[in-house]
C-alpha atoms as a PDB file:
ATOM      1  CA  MET A   1      -0.202   0.023  -0.143  1.00  0.00           C
ATOM      2  CA  ARG A   2       2.590   2.323   0.559  1.00  0.00           C
ATOM      3  CA  LYS A   3       4.815   1.627  -2.497  1.00  0.00           C
ATOM      4  CA  LYS A   4       1.816   2.588  -4.539  1.00  0.00           C
ATOM      5  CA  ARG A   5       1.517   5.768  -2.755  1.00  0.00           C
ATOM      6  CA  PHE A   6       4.634   6.230  -3.128  1.00  0.00           C
ATOM      7  CA  ASN A   7       4.641   5.447  -6.813  1.00  0.00           C
ATOM      8  CA  LYS A   8       1.835   7.791  -7.296  1.00  0.00           C
ATOM      9  CA  LEU A   9       3.498  10.560  -5.293  1.00  0.00           C
ATOM     10  CA  ARG A  10       6.605  10.383  -7.844  1.00  0.00           C
ATOM     11  CA  PHE A  11       3.925  10.628 -10.991  1.00  0.00           C
ATOM     12  CA  TYR A  12       2.290  13.426  -9.737  1.00  0.00           C
ATOM     13  CA  LEU A  13       5.817  15.207  -8.849  1.00  0.00           C
ATOM     14  CA  PHE A  14       7.087  14.324 -12.732  1.00  0.00           C
ATOM     15  CA  CYS A  15       3.862  15.720 -14.009  1.00  0.00           C
ATOM     16  CA  LEU A  16       4.366  18.909 -12.212  1.00  0.00           C
ATOM     17  CA  LEU A  17       8.180  19.448 -13.323  1.00  0.00           C
ATOM     18  CA  LEU A  18       6.809  18.735 -17.083  1.00  0.00           C
ATOM     19  CA  ALA A  19       4.117  21.432 -16.618  1.00  0.00           C
ATOM     20  CA  GLY A  20       7.103  23.691 -15.181  1.00  0.00           C
ATOM     21  CA  LEU A  21       9.408  23.123 -17.531  1.00  0.00           C
ATOM     22  CA  PRO A  22       8.459  25.726 -20.416  1.00  0.00           C
ATOM     23  CA  LEU A  23       7.857  28.632 -17.986  1.00  0.00           C
ATOM     24  CA  ALA A  24      10.956  28.143 -16.702  1.00  0.00           C
ATOM     25  CA  LEU A  25      12.313  27.882 -20.645  1.00  0.00           C
ATOM     26  CA  TYR A  26      10.706  31.111 -21.214  1.00  0.00           C
ATOM     27  CA  SER A  27      12.165  32.848 -18.377  1.00  0.00           C
ATOM     28  CA  GLN A  28      15.747  32.100 -19.879  1.00  0.00           C
ATOM     29  CA  GLU A  29      14.889  33.293 -23.013  1.00  0.00           C
ATOM     30  CA  ASP A  30      13.546  36.371 -21.868  1.00  0.00           C
ATOM     31  CA  SER A  31      16.366  37.105 -19.930  1.00  0.00           C
ATOM     32  CA  THR A  32      18.882  36.345 -22.857  1.00  0.00           C
ATOM     33  CA  ALA A  33      16.624  38.594 -25.262  1.00  0.00           C
ATOM     34  CA  ALA A  34      16.838  41.780 -22.900  1.00  0.00           C
ATOM     35  CA  PRO A  35      20.054  42.863 -23.390  1.00  0.00           C
ATOM     36  CA  ALA A  36      19.920  42.329 -27.436  1.00  0.00           C
ATOM     37  CA  GLU A  37      16.894  44.799 -27.718  1.00  0.00           C
ATOM     38  CA  GLU A  38      18.747  47.307 -25.239  1.00  0.00           C
ATOM     39  CA  LYS A  39      21.680  47.148 -27.479  1.00  0.00           C
ATOM     40  CA  ALA A  40      19.503  47.508 -30.235  1.00  0.00           C
ATOM     41  CA  GLU A  41      17.682  50.598 -28.869  1.00  0.00           C
ATOM     42  CA  GLU A  42      21.171  52.163 -28.306  1.00  0.00           C
ATOM     43  CA  PRO A  43      21.332  55.335 -30.859  1.00  0.00           C
ATOM     44  CA  ALA A  44      24.049  54.704 -33.543  1.00  0.00           C
ATOM     45  CA  ASP A  45      27.059  57.164 -33.370  1.00  0.00           C
ATOM     46  CA  PRO A  46      27.079  59.415 -36.396  1.00  0.00           C
ATOM     47  CA  SER A  47      30.791  60.616 -36.249  1.00  0.00           C
ATOM     48  CA  ALA A  48      31.746  57.116 -35.931  1.00  0.00           C
ATOM     49  CA  GLU A  49      30.942  56.508 -39.476  1.00  0.00           C
ATOM     50  CA  THR A  50      31.534  59.828 -40.713  1.00  0.00           C
ATOM     51  CA  SER A  51      35.194  59.239 -39.420  1.00  0.00           C
ATOM     52  CA  ALA A  52      35.161  56.029 -41.441  1.00  0.00           C
ATOM     53  CA  ARG A  53      34.009  57.633 -44.837  1.00  0.00           C
ATOM     54  CA  GLU A  54      36.240  59.646 -46.961  1.00  0.00           C
ATOM     55  CA  SER A  55      34.908  62.368 -49.508  1.00  0.00           C
ATOM     56  CA  LEU A  56      36.854  62.993 -52.404  1.00  0.00           C
ATOM     57  CA  VAL A  57      36.579  65.425 -55.189  1.00  0.00           C
ATOM     58  CA  TYR A  58      38.181  64.768 -58.806  1.00  0.00           C
ATOM     59  CA  LEU A  59      38.435  67.630 -61.202  1.00  0.00           C
ATOM     60  CA  GLN A  60      39.810  67.164 -64.478  1.00  0.00           C
ATOM     61  CA  TYR A  61      40.825  69.999 -67.390  1.00  0.00           C
ATOM     62  CA  PHE A  62      40.378  68.957 -70.943  1.00  0.00           C
ATOM     63  CA  VAL A  63      41.397  70.591 -74.457  1.00  0.00           C
ATOM     64  CA  LYS A  64      40.500  69.119 -77.548  1.00  0.00           C
ATOM     65  CA  ASN A  65      41.942  70.352 -80.842  1.00  0.00           C
ATOM     66  CA  ASN A  66      42.914  73.649 -79.197  1.00  0.00           C
ATOM     67  CA  ARG A  67      39.197  74.844 -78.876  1.00  0.00           C
ATOM     68  CA  VAL A  68      37.570  75.774 -75.622  1.00  0.00           C
ATOM     69  CA  PRO A  69      38.267  73.927 -72.806  1.00  0.00           C
ATOM     70  CA  TYR A  70      35.916  71.793 -70.107  1.00  0.00           C
ATOM     71  CA  LEU A  71      36.168  70.572 -66.982  1.00  0.00           C
ATOM     72  CA  LYS A  72      35.035  66.687 -65.518  1.00  0.00           C
ATOM     73  CA  VAL A  73      34.114  66.576 -62.167  1.00  0.00           C
ATOM     74  CA  GLN A  74      33.799  63.100 -60.289  1.00  0.00           C
ATOM     75  CA  THR A  75      32.752  62.518 -56.319  1.00  0.00           C
ATOM     76  CA  LYS A  76      33.458  59.694 -54.824  1.00  0.00           C
ATOM     77  CA  THR A  77      33.744  57.907 -51.344  1.00  0.00           C
ATOM     78  CA  LYS A  78      36.218  55.795 -49.878  1.00  0.00           C
ATOM     79  CA  SER A  79      36.125  53.193 -47.009  1.00  0.00           C
ATOM     80  CA  GLU A  80      37.822  50.467 -45.561  1.00  0.00           C
ATOM     81  CA  GLU A  81      34.450  48.289 -46.544  1.00  0.00           C
ATOM     82  CA  LYS A  82      33.231  49.348 -49.496  1.00  0.00           C
ATOM     83  CA  GLY A  83      36.755  50.967 -51.158  1.00  0.00           C
ATOM     84  CA  PHE A  84      35.788  53.738 -53.422  1.00  0.00           C
ATOM     85  CA  GLN A  85      32.518  54.430 -54.844  1.00  0.00           C
ATOM     86  CA  SER A  86      30.654  56.901 -56.740  1.00  0.00           C
ATOM     87  CA  ALA A  87      28.727  59.393 -54.854  1.00  0.00           C
ATOM     88  CA  PRO A  88      25.810  60.837 -56.963  1.00  0.00           C
ATOM     89  CA  LYS A  89      23.562  63.595 -57.102  1.00  0.00           C
ATOM     90  CA  VAL A  90      26.341  65.804 -54.899  1.00  0.00           C
ATOM     91  CA  PRO A  91      25.881  69.842 -55.902  1.00  0.00           C
ATOM     92  CA  VAL A  92      29.483  71.303 -56.721  1.00  0.00           C
ATOM     93  CA  SER A  93      30.416  74.578 -57.507  1.00  0.00           C
ATOM     94  CA  ILE A  94      33.068  75.552 -59.711  1.00  0.00           C
ATOM     95  CA  TYR A  95      35.020  78.950 -60.114  1.00  0.00           C
ATOM     96  CA  LEU A  96      37.809  80.608 -61.835  1.00  0.00           C
ATOM     97  CA  ASP A  97      40.851  81.825 -59.525  1.00  0.00           C
ATOM     98  CA  LYS A  98      38.963  83.401 -56.986  1.00  0.00           C
ATOM     99  CA  ASP A  99      36.686  80.963 -54.553  1.00  0.00           C
ATOM    100  CA  SER A 100      33.332  81.774 -53.835  1.00  0.00           C
ATOM    101  CA  VAL A 101      33.215  85.235 -56.270  1.00  0.00           C
ATOM    102  CA  LYS A 102      30.062  85.480 -57.870  1.00  0.00           C
ATOM    103  CA  GLU A 103      31.940  86.941 -60.941  1.00  0.00           C
ATOM    104  CA  ALA A 104      34.297  84.034 -61.025  1.00  0.00           C
ATOM    105  CA  LEU A 105      31.281  81.175 -61.069  1.00  0.00           C
ATOM    106  CA  VAL A 106      31.846  78.672 -63.838  1.00  0.00           C
ATOM    107  CA  ALA A 107      28.996  76.465 -62.709  1.00  0.00           C
ATOM    108  CA  ASN A 108      26.684  75.412 -60.496  1.00  0.00           C
ATOM    109  CA  VAL A 109      26.211  71.288 -61.014  1.00  0.00           C
ATOM    110  CA  ILE A 110      24.767  68.198 -59.563  1.00  0.00           C
ATOM    111  CA  THR A 111      26.521  64.949 -60.353  1.00  0.00           C
ATOM    112  CA  ASP A 112      24.547  62.401 -62.048  1.00  0.00           C
ATOM    113  CA  ALA A 113      23.854  58.935 -61.085  1.00  0.00           C
ATOM    114  CA  HIS A 114      27.793  57.883 -61.617  1.00  0.00           C
ATOM    115  CA  GLY A 115      29.120  60.757 -59.884  1.00  0.00           C
ATOM    116  CA  GLU A 116      30.031  63.122 -62.920  1.00  0.00           C
ATOM    117  CA  SER A 117      29.171  66.203 -64.560  1.00  0.00           C
ATOM    118  CA  ILE A 118      31.094  67.744 -67.490  1.00  0.00           C
ATOM    119  CA  ILE A 119      30.950  71.640 -67.688  1.00  0.00           C
ATOM    120  CA  SER A 120      32.529  73.912 -70.337  1.00  0.00           C
ATOM    121  CA  LEU A 121      33.738  77.261 -69.351  1.00  0.00           C
ATOM    122  CA  PRO A 122      31.330  80.005 -70.169  1.00  0.00           C
ATOM    123  CA  PRO A 123      31.761  82.854 -72.613  1.00  0.00           C
ATOM    124  CA  SER A 124      31.387  84.988 -69.396  1.00  0.00           C
ATOM    125  CA  LEU A 125      34.739  84.346 -68.348  1.00  0.00           C
ATOM    126  CA  ALA A 126      36.395  84.949 -71.767  1.00  0.00           C
ATOM    127  CA  ALA A 127      38.187  88.171 -70.577  1.00  0.00           C
ATOM    128  CA  LEU A 128      39.391  86.781 -67.176  1.00  0.00           C
ATOM    129  CA  TRP A 129      40.850  83.675 -68.823  1.00  0.00           C
ATOM    130  CA  ASN A 130      43.001  85.963 -71.187  1.00  0.00           C
ATOM    131  CA  GLU A 131      44.190  88.118 -68.944  1.00  0.00           C
ATOM    132  CA  ALA A 132      46.847  85.107 -67.269  1.00  0.00           C
ATOM    133  CA  ASP A 133      48.747  82.548 -68.571  1.00  0.00           C
ATOM    134  CA  ALA A 134      47.680  80.270 -65.965  1.00  0.00           C
ATOM    135  CA  HIS A 135      44.652  79.500 -64.109  1.00  0.00           C
ATOM    136  CA  SER A 136      43.608  77.454 -61.077  1.00  0.00           C
ATOM    137  CA  PHE A 137      40.058  75.921 -60.771  1.00  0.00           C
ATOM    138  CA  ILE A 138      38.596  75.576 -57.616  1.00  0.00           C
ATOM    139  CA  ALA A 139      35.424  72.861 -56.896  1.00  0.00           C
ATOM    140  CA  ASN A 140      33.406  73.264 -53.688  1.00  0.00           C
ATOM    141  CA  ALA A 141      31.497  69.785 -53.100  1.00  0.00           C
ATOM    142  CA  ALA A 142      28.370  70.560 -50.563  1.00  0.00           C
ATOM    143  CA  ALA A 143      27.523  68.145 -48.047  1.00  0.00           C
ATOM    144  CA  THR A 144      24.974  65.395 -48.706  1.00  0.00           C
ATOM    145  CA  LYS A 145      23.578  62.460 -46.641  1.00  0.00           C
ATOM    146  CA  ASP A 146      26.227  60.124 -47.765  1.00  0.00           C
ATOM    147  CA  PHE A 147      28.706  62.394 -48.832  1.00  0.00           C
ATOM    148  CA  ASP A 148      30.724  65.417 -46.555  1.00  0.00           C
ATOM    149  CA  ALA A 149      31.836  68.894 -47.982  1.00  0.00           C
ATOM    150  CA  THR A 150      34.853  69.062 -49.539  1.00  0.00           C
ATOM    151  CA  THR A 151      37.105  70.904 -51.862  1.00  0.00           C
ATOM    152  CA  LYS A 152      39.519  70.282 -54.979  1.00  0.00           C
ATOM    153  CA  THR A 153      41.813  73.212 -56.650  1.00  0.00           C
ATOM    154  CA  THR A 154      43.428  72.382 -59.759  1.00  0.00           C
ATOM    155  CA  GLU A 155      46.153  74.615 -61.602  1.00  0.00           C
ATOM    156  CA  VAL A 156      46.599  74.321 -65.238  1.00  0.00           C
ATOM    157  CA  THR A 157      49.106  76.205 -67.416  1.00  0.00           C
ATOM    158  CA  ILE A 158      47.107  77.826 -71.187  1.00  0.00           C
ATOM    159  CA  ALA A 159      48.722  75.472 -73.632  1.00  0.00           C
ATOM    160  CA  LYS A 160      48.040  74.412 -77.057  1.00  0.00           C
ATOM    161  CA  LEU A 161      49.111  70.797 -78.719  1.00  0.00           C
ATOM    162  CA  GLU A 162      49.993  70.970 -82.819  1.00  0.00           C
ATOM    163  CA  LEU A 163      50.313  68.012 -84.571  1.00  0.00           C
ATOM    164  CA  ASP A 164      52.033  68.041 -88.275  1.00  0.00           C
ATOM    165  CA  THR A 165      53.407  65.382 -90.260  1.00  0.00           C
ATOM    166  CA  VAL A 166      57.182  64.792 -92.200  1.00  0.00           C
ATOM    167  CA  THR A 167      57.332  62.765 -95.383  1.00  0.00           C
ATOM    168  CA  THR A 168      60.446  61.848 -96.770  1.00  0.00           C
ATOM    169  CA  GLU A 169      62.324  58.808 -98.958  1.00  0.00           C
ATOM    170  CA  THR A 170      62.839  56.760 -96.268  1.00  0.00           C
ATOM    171  CA  GLY A 171      59.111  56.868 -94.447  1.00  0.00           C
ATOM    172  CA  ARG A 172      56.460  59.147 -92.707  1.00  0.00           C
ATOM    173  CA  SER A 173      56.703  60.799 -89.549  1.00  0.00           C
ATOM    174  CA  VAL A 174      54.297  62.408 -87.179  1.00  0.00           C
ATOM    175  CA  VAL A 175      55.434  65.691 -85.167  1.00  0.00           C
ATOM    176  CA  ALA A 176      53.724  66.821 -82.073  1.00  0.00           C
ATOM    177  CA  HIS A 177      55.045  70.398 -80.610  1.00  0.00           C
ATOM    178  CA  VAL A 178      53.687  71.846 -77.303  1.00  0.00           C
ATOM    179  CA  LEU A 179      53.366  75.388 -76.716  1.00  0.00           C
ATOM    180  CA  LYS A 180      52.533  77.497 -73.587  1.00  0.00           C
ATOM    181  CA  LYS A 181      51.370  80.949 -73.275  1.00  0.00           C
ATOM    182  CA  GLU A 182      53.317  83.763 -71.796  1.00  0.00           C
ATOM    183  CA  GLY A 183      51.842  87.278 -72.700  1.00  0.00           C
ATOM    184  CA  THR A 184      50.987  87.629 -76.285  1.00  0.00           C
ATOM    185  CA  SER A 185      53.456  84.873 -77.303  1.00  0.00           C
ATOM    186  CA  TRP A 186      53.701  81.133 -77.531  1.00  0.00           C
ATOM    187  CA  VAL A 187      56.558  79.290 -76.284  1.00  0.00           C
ATOM    188  CA  PRO A 188      57.954  75.730 -76.523  1.00  0.00           C
ATOM    189  CA  MET A 189      57.281  73.005 -73.230  1.00  0.00           C
ATOM    190  CA  PRO A 190      59.953  70.602 -72.644  1.00  0.00           C
ATOM    191  CA  ASP A 191      59.503  67.287 -70.880  1.00  0.00           C
ATOM    192  CA  ILE A 192      55.931  66.513 -71.519  1.00  0.00           C
ATOM    193  CA  GLU A 193      55.250  62.936 -72.164  1.00  0.00           C
ATOM    194  CA  LEU A 194      52.785  62.515 -74.973  1.00  0.00           C
ATOM    195  CA  LYS A 195      51.172  59.827 -77.047  1.00  0.00           C
ATOM    196  CA  LEU A 196      51.264  59.644 -81.221  1.00  0.00           C
ATOM    197  CA  THR A 197      48.578  57.268 -82.175  1.00  0.00           C
ATOM    198  CA  ALA A 198      46.195  56.021 -84.716  1.00  0.00           C
ATOM    199  CA  LYS A 199      42.290  56.037 -83.914  1.00  0.00           C
ATOM    200  CA  ARG A 200      40.910  52.875 -84.473  1.00  0.00           C
ATOM    201  CA  TYR A 201      37.394  51.343 -83.608  1.00  0.00           C
ATOM    202  CA  GLY A 202      38.193  49.786 -80.666  1.00  0.00           C
ATOM    203  CA  GLY A 203      40.540  52.795 -79.371  1.00  0.00           C
ATOM    204  CA  TYR A 204      44.157  53.863 -80.398  1.00  0.00           C
ATOM    205  CA  LEU A 205      46.922  52.373 -82.014  1.00  0.00           C
ATOM    206  CA  ASN A 206      50.722  53.668 -81.472  1.00  0.00           C
ATOM    207  CA  ILE A 207      52.265  54.614 -84.729  1.00  0.00           C
ATOM    208  CA  SER A 208      55.292  52.588 -83.850  1.00  0.00           C
ATOM    209  CA  ASP A 209      57.060  50.440 -81.180  1.00  0.00           C
ATOM    210  CA  GLU A 210      57.833  53.607 -78.610  1.00  0.00           C
ATOM    211  CA  GLU A 211      54.734  53.721 -76.023  1.00  0.00           C
ATOM    212  CA  THR A 212      55.135  57.253 -75.491  1.00  0.00           C
ATOM    213  CA  TYR A 213      57.100  60.312 -76.261  1.00  0.00           C
ATOM    214  CA  THR A 214      58.658  63.079 -74.540  1.00  0.00           C
ATOM    215  CA  THR A 215      59.177  66.676 -76.091  1.00  0.00           C
ATOM    216  CA  ASP A 216      62.757  68.305 -76.206  1.00  0.00           C
ATOM    217  CA  SER A 217      63.648  71.657 -75.415  1.00  0.00           C
ATOM    218  CA  SER A 218      61.911  72.817 -78.349  1.00  0.00           C
ATOM    219  CA  GLY A 219      58.622  71.600 -77.382  1.00  0.00           C
ATOM    220  CA  LYS A 220      58.817  69.077 -80.287  1.00  0.00           C
ATOM    221  CA  ALA A 221      58.274  65.182 -80.130  1.00  0.00           C
ATOM    222  CA  GLU A 222      58.719  63.218 -83.691  1.00  0.00           C
ATOM    223  CA  GLY A 223      57.570  59.071 -83.979  1.00  0.00           C
ATOM    224  CA  GLU A 224      57.861  57.098 -87.306  1.00  0.00           C
ATOM    225  CA  PHE A 225      54.707  55.783 -88.759  1.00  0.00           C
ATOM    226  CA  LYS A 226      55.257  52.131 -88.953  1.00  0.00           C
ATOM    227  CA  PRO A 227      51.849  50.596 -89.676  1.00  0.00           C
ATOM    228  CA  VAL A 228      51.347  49.350 -93.472  1.00  0.00           C
ATOM    229  CA  ASN A 229      47.877  49.148 -95.014  1.00  0.00           C
ATOM    230  CA  LEU A 230      46.191  50.292 -92.331  1.00  0.00           C
ATOM    231  CA  PRO A 231      42.451  50.178 -92.955  1.00  0.00           C
ATOM    232  CA  GLY A 232      41.085  53.708 -93.955  1.00  0.00           C
ATOM    233  CA  ASP A 233      38.091  55.231 -95.078  1.00  0.00           C
ATOM    234  CA  ASN A 234      36.736  55.059 -98.767  1.00  0.00           C
ATOM    235  CA  GLY A 235      39.438  57.625 -99.800  1.00  0.00           C
ATOM    236  CA  GLY A 236      41.940  56.023 -97.441  1.00  0.00           C
ATOM    237  CA  ASN A 237      42.176  58.918 -95.034  1.00  0.00           C
ATOM    238  CA  ILE A 238      42.829  57.724 -91.297  1.00  0.00           C
ATOM    239  CA  GLU A 239      42.961  60.244 -87.972  1.00  0.00           C
ATOM    240  CA  LEU A 240      46.506  61.138 -86.424  1.00  0.00           C
ATOM    241  CA  VAL A 241      45.955  61.685 -82.485  1.00  0.00           C
ATOM    242  CA  ALA A 242      48.340  63.453 -80.614  1.00  0.00           C
ATOM    243  CA  LEU A 243      47.411  62.686 -76.377  1.00  0.00           C
ATOM    244  CA  ILE A 244      48.360  63.962 -73.191  1.00  0.00           C
ATOM    245  CA  ASP A 245      47.109  62.452 -70.463  1.00  0.00           C
ATOM    246  CA  ASP A 246      46.433  63.996 -67.041  1.00  0.00           C
ATOM    247  CA  ASN A 247      49.540  65.932 -67.155  1.00  0.00           C
ATOM    248  CA  ASP A 248      49.967  68.160 -64.319  1.00  0.00           C
ATOM    249  CA  MET A 249      50.710  71.082 -65.742  1.00  0.00           C
ATOM    250  CA  VAL A 250      48.477  71.440 -68.888  1.00  0.00           C
ATOM    251  CA  GLY A 251      45.966  68.512 -68.247  1.00  0.00           C
ATOM    252  CA  SER A 252      44.592  66.436 -70.777  1.00  0.00           C
ATOM    253  CA  MET A 253      44.837  67.557 -74.367  1.00  0.00           C
ATOM    254  CA  GLN A 254      44.112  65.954 -77.677  1.00  0.00           C
ATOM    255  CA  THR A 255      44.919  67.025 -81.107  1.00  0.00           C
ATOM    256  CA  VAL A 256      43.177  65.112 -84.287  1.00  0.00           C
ATOM    257  CA  MET A 257      44.685  65.162 -87.825  1.00  0.00           C
ATOM    258  CA  LYS A 258      43.281  63.488 -90.673  1.00  0.00           C
ATOM    259  CA  VAL A 259      45.856  61.926 -93.242  1.00  0.00           C
ATOM    260  CA  PRO A 260      45.638  59.607 -96.233  1.00  0.00           C
ATOM    261  CA  TRP A 261      48.228  56.896 -94.871  1.00  0.00           C
ATOM    262  CA  GLY A 262      45.732  54.182 -95.012  1.00  0.00           C
ATOM    263  CA  SER A 263      43.850  51.825 -97.928  1.00  0.00           C
ATOM    264  CA  PRO A 264      40.976  53.052 -99.252  1.00  0.00           C
ATOM    265  CA  LEU A 265      37.793  50.900 -97.993  1.00  0.00           C
ATOM    266  CA  HIS A 266      35.829  49.168-100.833  1.00  0.00           C
ATOM    267  CA  PHE A 267      32.440  47.680 -99.731  1.00  0.00           C
ATOM    268  CA  GLU A 268      31.052  45.054-101.548  1.00  0.00           C
ATOM    269  CA  SER A 269      27.436  44.510-101.414  1.00  0.00           C
ATOM    270  CA  ARG A 270      26.329  40.704-101.764  1.00  0.00           C
ATOM    271  CA  PHE A 271      22.755  41.397-100.813  1.00  0.00           C
ATOM    272  CA  GLU A 272      21.678  40.633-104.751  1.00  0.00           C
ATOM    273  CA  GLU A 273      23.395  37.246-104.632  1.00  0.00           C
ATOM    274  CA  ARG A 274      21.493  33.862-103.924  1.00  0.00           C
ATOM    275  CA  SER A 275      22.090  32.538-100.506  1.00  0.00           C
ATOM    276  CA  LEU A 276      20.185  30.847 -97.852  1.00  0.00           C
ATOM    277  CA  TRP A 277      20.059  34.066 -96.326  1.00  0.00           C
ATOM    278  CA  SER A 278      18.676  36.263 -99.112  1.00  0.00           C
ATOM    279  CA  ARG A 279      14.915  36.835 -99.713  1.00  0.00           C
ATOM    280  CA  GLY A 280      12.833  34.447-101.614  1.00  0.00           C
ATOM    281  CA  SER A 281      13.525  35.739-105.149  1.00  0.00           C
ATOM    282  CA  ARG A 282      17.138  35.208-104.321  1.00  0.00           C
ATOM    283  CA  ALA A 283      17.370  32.042-102.835  1.00  0.00           C
ATOM    284  CA  PRO A 284      19.599  28.912-104.303  1.00  0.00           C
ATOM    285  CA  ILE A 285      18.473  27.255-107.329  1.00  0.00           C
ATOM    286  CA  TRP A 286      18.913  23.878-106.247  1.00  0.00           C
ATOM    287  CA  LEU A 287      16.511  25.402-103.008  1.00  0.00           C
ATOM    288  CA  ILE A 288      13.850  26.274-105.239  1.00  0.00           C
ATOM    289  CA  PHE A 289      14.330  22.981-107.275  1.00  0.00           C
ATOM    290  CA  MET A 290      14.103  21.009-104.082  1.00  0.00           C
ATOM    291  CA  ALA A 291      11.164  22.595-102.683  1.00  0.00           C
ATOM    292  CA  SER A 292       9.050  22.785-106.008  1.00  0.00           C
ATOM    293  CA  ALA A 293      10.026  19.031-106.194  1.00  0.00           C
ATOM    294  CA  CYS A 294       8.375  18.514-103.092  1.00  0.00           C
ATOM    295  CA  ILE A 295       5.423  19.957-103.399  1.00  0.00           C
ATOM    296  CA  ILE A 296       4.571  18.488-107.196  1.00  0.00           C
ATOM    297  CA  GLY A 297       5.615  14.766-105.965  1.00  0.00           C
ATOM    298  CA  VAL A 298       2.842  15.628-102.688  1.00  0.00           C
ATOM    299  CA  TRP A 299       0.034  16.872-104.968  1.00  0.00           C
ATOM    300  CA  SER A 300       0.732  14.382-107.647  1.00  0.00           C
ATOM    301  CA  VAL A 301      -0.047  11.815-104.835  1.00  0.00           C
ATOM    302  CA  ILE A 302      -2.864  13.392-103.558  1.00  0.00           C
ATOM    303  CA  ILE A 303      -4.352  14.044-107.182  1.00  0.00           C
ATOM    304  CA  TYR A 304      -3.918  10.121-107.957  1.00  0.00           C
ATOM    305  CA  LEU A 305      -5.358   8.812-104.881  1.00  0.00           C
ATOM    306  CA  PHE A 306      -8.520  11.275-105.387  1.00  0.00           C
ATOM    307  CA  THR A 307      -8.753   9.861-109.176  1.00  0.00           C
ATOM    308  CA  ARG A 308      -8.421   6.115-107.694  1.00  0.00           C
ATOM    309  CA  ILE A 309     -11.398   6.827-105.232  1.00  0.00           C
ATOM    310  CA  TYR A 310     -13.325   8.329-107.856  1.00  0.00           C
ATOM    311  CA  GLN A 311     -12.963   5.138-110.356  1.00  0.00           C
ATOM    312  CA  ILE A 312     -13.756   2.979-107.305  1.00  0.00           C
ATOM    313  CA  ARG A 313     -16.829   4.515-106.577  1.00  0.00           C
ATOM    314  CA  LYS A 314     -17.958   4.920-110.339  1.00  0.00           C
ATOM    315  CA  LEU A 315     -17.272   0.619-110.826  1.00  0.00           C
ATOM    316  CA  GLY A 316     -19.417   0.120-107.346  1.00  0.00           C
ATOM    317  CA  VAL A 317     -22.125   2.409-108.933  1.00  0.00           C
ATOM    318  CA  GLU A 318     -22.283   0.931-112.584  1.00  0.00           C
ATOM    319  CA  GLU A 319     -22.624  -2.515-110.950  1.00  0.00           C
ATOM    320  CA  LYS A 320     -25.684  -1.786-108.838  1.00  0.00           C
END
């Protein structure tokens, strides 16, 4: 009897333990989740995010064929986690020589989705541009949600890049001259690195084995034109291009010259030739014959079967 009561008591205790187990587990989950919630509610420190991010403005100066120069602005951010990234929709104000002066304002722009913008020098600054031989451009980028305010200054010397050719008994050469403005005259610029190339559809082809050329004391750089039978346009013309890429003094410059040194391009149209991809009337003869033979053969069998059926039916009617 006592043993039976003892077993019942153990059974009841076991049931109580099972009933209290979910409550114990819930209380443990609550106690461990509370610190996480408190941690999530803590406000983030904006200064830490700003210090880890660096905002950059790139300002490049371009001159093509010695015409009116233009500027290219790029806004980017740099962080340890993501590296360099484009910063779109950033307001940028650009000034010539004098920072934040209305009369020296080149343009107010907002960079596009790639963080870039191209600005031409306005005619209103022509007088200020001609006053000096060298200038500085100041780009002031305003702060946005993902970009910090910053400033970039680029100094340039007014220069021009001239291109010419020389033909002798031994071959052809391309000559480039780099000149800078000094008052009302132009003087040679030595030690300027440039490329002499021929323009192609996929980029620029060097005219010789030399990758780059450097101007001498007279501002001249010369290279031999080595390509043979280079395809040109219908008249055999190709475009020679002299390039200066992001120089510290003159920026980026490009001058183009057309010369008849290529092979004329003769395009022969094969539209009227018979081929599988031509229109129906210009299909190959063998294909037309094969298709016609198939069609005639099929219809001949169908007509033959109809005539046989008609004759069988006619014989049946006569027998009746």
